[in-house]
Amino acid sequence: MYSTRLGHVHLKVRDLKRAIDFYTQVFQLNEIETVADHYAFLSGSHLHHEIALQRVGPQAPAPPPDGVGLYHVAFEVPDKKHFARAYQQLQQLGIEPYLVNHFISWAMYFSDPDGNGLEIYVDIRNEPDGRDRWRGYSAPLSAETILAALTEA
């Protein structure tokens, strides 16, 4: 028997500099290491990296919308205030995420410049309106509800 934990996500991108700029701005990750113009390693913690970016060139095709493969990479924030701040940051960058209340989490879905799916979420299972399991139910989440978290105690 052995145990594992997720170490990092490796994404293919067309333009390495553009991807580095995107991930450092949107997720406040730090650029830890770049290897030529082919790879970059980004981290928001003590790890060497949580995100590895690999340049595959400007002619690389977009991920197929109905094909198998990675659907999205999810980033968790610690509370609703951080979620609201992340929403504000996306708005300032001109990114309009799809907002969803899954009742176990609030989620924002969007894509990076290369079409890789991304999510920012906050776990709300222990909140008064939270549920212990998802069970397939979701509802729209309004910007007003998100931003109201900024004024909550």
Protein backbone atom coordinates (compact mmCIF):
# COMPACT_ATOMS: atom_id res chain seq x y z
CA MET A 1 0.00 0.00 0.00
CA TYR A 2 1.13 3.57 -0.65
CA SER A 3 -0.38 7.03 -0.41
CA THR A 4 -0.37 9.94 -2.83
CA ARG A 5 -1.27 13.60 -3.01
CA LEU A 6 -1.58 15.85 -6.03
CA GLY A 7 1.81 17.40 -6.69
CA HIS A 8 1.19 19.75 -9.60
CA VAL A 9 -0.75 20.36 -12.81
CA HIS A 10 1.13 20.57 -16.12
CA LEU A 11 -0.55 22.71 -18.78
CA LYS A 12 0.36 23.18 -22.43
CA VAL A 13 0.24 26.80 -23.64
CA ARG A 14 0.92 28.61 -26.92
CA ASP A 15 2.78 31.62 -25.51
CA LEU A 16 4.82 31.07 -22.34
CA LYS A 17 5.21 34.73 -21.35
CA ARG A 18 1.49 35.40 -21.81
CA ALA A 19 0.64 32.33 -19.69
CA ILE A 20 3.10 33.34 -16.95
CA ASP A 21 1.60 36.83 -16.86
CA PHE A 22 -1.93 35.40 -16.69
CA TYR A 23 -1.29 32.91 -13.88
CA THR A 24 0.79 35.32 -11.79
CA GLN A 25 -1.87 38.05 -12.08
CA VAL A 26 -5.03 35.97 -11.69
CA PHE A 27 -3.82 33.52 -9.03
CA GLN A 28 -0.99 35.55 -7.45
CA LEU A 29 1.43 32.70 -8.13
CA ASN A 30 5.16 33.31 -8.17
CA GLU A 31 7.42 32.37 -11.05
CA ILE A 32 9.90 29.97 -9.46
CA GLU A 33 11.87 28.76 -12.46
CA THR A 34 11.88 29.14 -16.24
CA VAL A 35 13.74 26.77 -18.53
CA ALA A 36 14.65 28.53 -21.79
CA ASP A 37 11.40 29.55 -23.50
CA HIS A 38 9.89 26.10 -23.04
CA TYR A 39 8.86 25.57 -19.41
CA ALA A 40 7.86 27.68 -16.42
CA PHE A 41 7.13 26.58 -12.89
CA LEU A 42 4.78 28.63 -10.71
CA SER A 43 3.93 28.36 -7.03
CA GLY A 44 1.81 30.01 -4.39
CA SER A 45 3.27 28.02 -1.50
CA HIS A 46 6.44 26.42 -0.23
CA LEU A 47 6.41 23.87 -3.06
CA HIS A 48 8.70 24.20 -6.07
CA HIS A 49 5.56 24.44 -8.19
CA GLU A 50 1.85 23.72 -8.34
CA ILE A 51 1.57 24.72 -12.00
CA ALA A 52 3.98 23.71 -14.74
CA LEU A 53 3.56 25.52 -18.06
CA GLN A 54 4.94 24.10 -21.29
CA ARG A 55 5.15 26.17 -24.48
CA VAL A 56 3.90 24.20 -27.47
CA GLY A 57 3.84 27.09 -29.95
CA PRO A 58 1.35 29.49 -31.51
CA GLN A 59 -0.09 26.96 -33.97
CA ALA A 60 -1.13 24.43 -31.31
CA PRO A 61 -4.83 23.52 -31.59
CA ALA A 62 -7.31 24.43 -28.85
CA PRO A 63 -8.45 21.74 -26.43
CA PRO A 64 -11.45 19.89 -27.91
CA PRO A 65 -14.65 20.98 -26.13
CA ASP A 66 -16.28 17.54 -26.35
CA GLY A 67 -13.13 15.41 -26.17
CA VAL A 68 -11.66 13.53 -23.28
CA GLY A 69 -9.00 15.20 -21.17
CA LEU A 70 -8.70 17.75 -18.43
CA TYR A 71 -11.93 19.68 -17.81
CA HIS A 72 -10.53 22.31 -15.46
CA VAL A 73 -8.03 23.04 -12.72
CA ALA A 74 -9.61 24.26 -9.47
CA PHE A 75 -8.05 26.71 -7.01
CA GLU A 76 -9.57 26.89 -3.52
CA VAL A 77 -9.69 30.13 -1.53
CA PRO A 78 -10.05 30.08 2.28
CA ASP A 79 -13.31 32.01 2.69
CA LYS A 80 -16.04 34.04 1.00
CA LYS A 81 -14.09 37.31 1.37
CA HIS A 82 -11.17 35.88 -0.56
CA PHE A 83 -13.64 34.55 -3.12
CA ALA A 84 -15.12 38.04 -3.52
CA ARG A 85 -11.64 39.56 -3.88
CA ALA A 86 -10.79 36.98 -6.54
CA TYR A 87 -14.02 37.88 -8.35
CA GLN A 88 -13.09 41.57 -8.24
CA GLN A 89 -9.62 40.74 -9.60
CA LEU A 90 -11.13 38.83 -12.53
CA GLN A 91 -13.46 41.75 -13.25
CA GLN A 92 -10.51 44.19 -13.25
CA LEU A 93 -8.73 41.93 -15.75
CA GLY A 94 -11.79 41.87 -18.01
CA ILE A 95 -12.58 38.21 -17.27
CA GLU A 96 -16.29 37.37 -16.90
CA PRO A 97 -16.52 34.06 -15.04
CA TYR A 98 -19.53 31.77 -14.98
CA LEU A 99 -20.82 31.92 -11.38
CA VAL A 100 -22.41 28.90 -9.67
CA ASN A 101 -23.64 27.94 -6.22
CA HIS A 102 -23.10 24.18 -5.87
CA PHE A 103 -24.35 24.34 -2.24
CA ILE A 104 -21.11 22.68 -1.14
CA SER A 105 -19.13 25.47 -2.78
CA TRP A 106 -19.39 28.76 -4.59
CA ALA A 107 -17.54 28.52 -7.89
CA MET A 108 -16.31 30.75 -10.71
CA TYR A 109 -15.44 29.10 -14.02
CA PHE A 110 -13.37 30.68 -16.79
CA SER A 111 -10.58 29.84 -19.22
CA ASP A 112 -6.97 30.90 -19.54
CA PRO A 113 -5.81 32.53 -22.82
CA ASP A 114 -5.21 29.06 -24.31
CA GLY A 115 -8.65 27.67 -23.47
CA ASN A 116 -7.60 25.62 -20.42
CA GLY A 117 -10.55 25.46 -18.02
CA LEU A 118 -10.11 27.05 -14.58
CA GLU A 119 -12.15 27.32 -11.41
CA ILE A 120 -11.85 29.37 -8.25
CA TYR A 121 -14.02 28.07 -5.43
CA VAL A 122 -14.75 28.39 -1.73
CA ASP A 123 -16.03 25.47 0.33
CA ILE A 124 -19.34 26.41 1.99
CA ARG A 125 -20.32 23.04 3.45
CA ASN A 126 -20.01 24.42 7.01
CA GLU A 127 -21.92 27.62 6.21
CA PRO A 128 -25.59 27.96 7.26
CA ASP A 129 -26.72 27.58 3.62
CA GLY A 130 -24.23 24.81 2.85
CA ARG A 131 -24.86 21.10 2.36
CA ASP A 132 -22.68 18.13 3.22
CA ARG A 133 -22.79 16.61 -0.30
CA TRP A 134 -23.27 18.01 -3.80
CA ARG A 135 -25.90 15.55 -5.12
CA GLY A 136 -25.90 17.25 -8.54
CA TYR A 137 -27.77 20.42 -7.56
CA SER A 138 -26.52 23.84 -8.61
CA ALA A 139 -28.01 27.32 -8.85
CA PRO A 140 -26.95 30.65 -10.28
CA LEU A 141 -24.76 32.80 -8.04
CA SER A 142 -25.08 36.56 -8.37
CA ALA A 143 -22.29 39.11 -8.28
CA GLU A 144 -24.26 40.95 -5.57
CA THR A 145 -24.24 37.87 -3.33
CA ILE A 146 -20.51 37.43 -3.85
CA LEU A 147 -19.65 41.06 -3.19
CA ALA A 148 -21.85 41.15 -0.05
CA ALA A 149 -19.26 38.82 1.52
CA LEU A 150 -16.85 41.76 1.61
CA THR A 151 -18.97 43.51 4.23
CA GLU A 152 -19.81 40.48 6.38
CA ALA A 153 -18.18 40.22 9.77
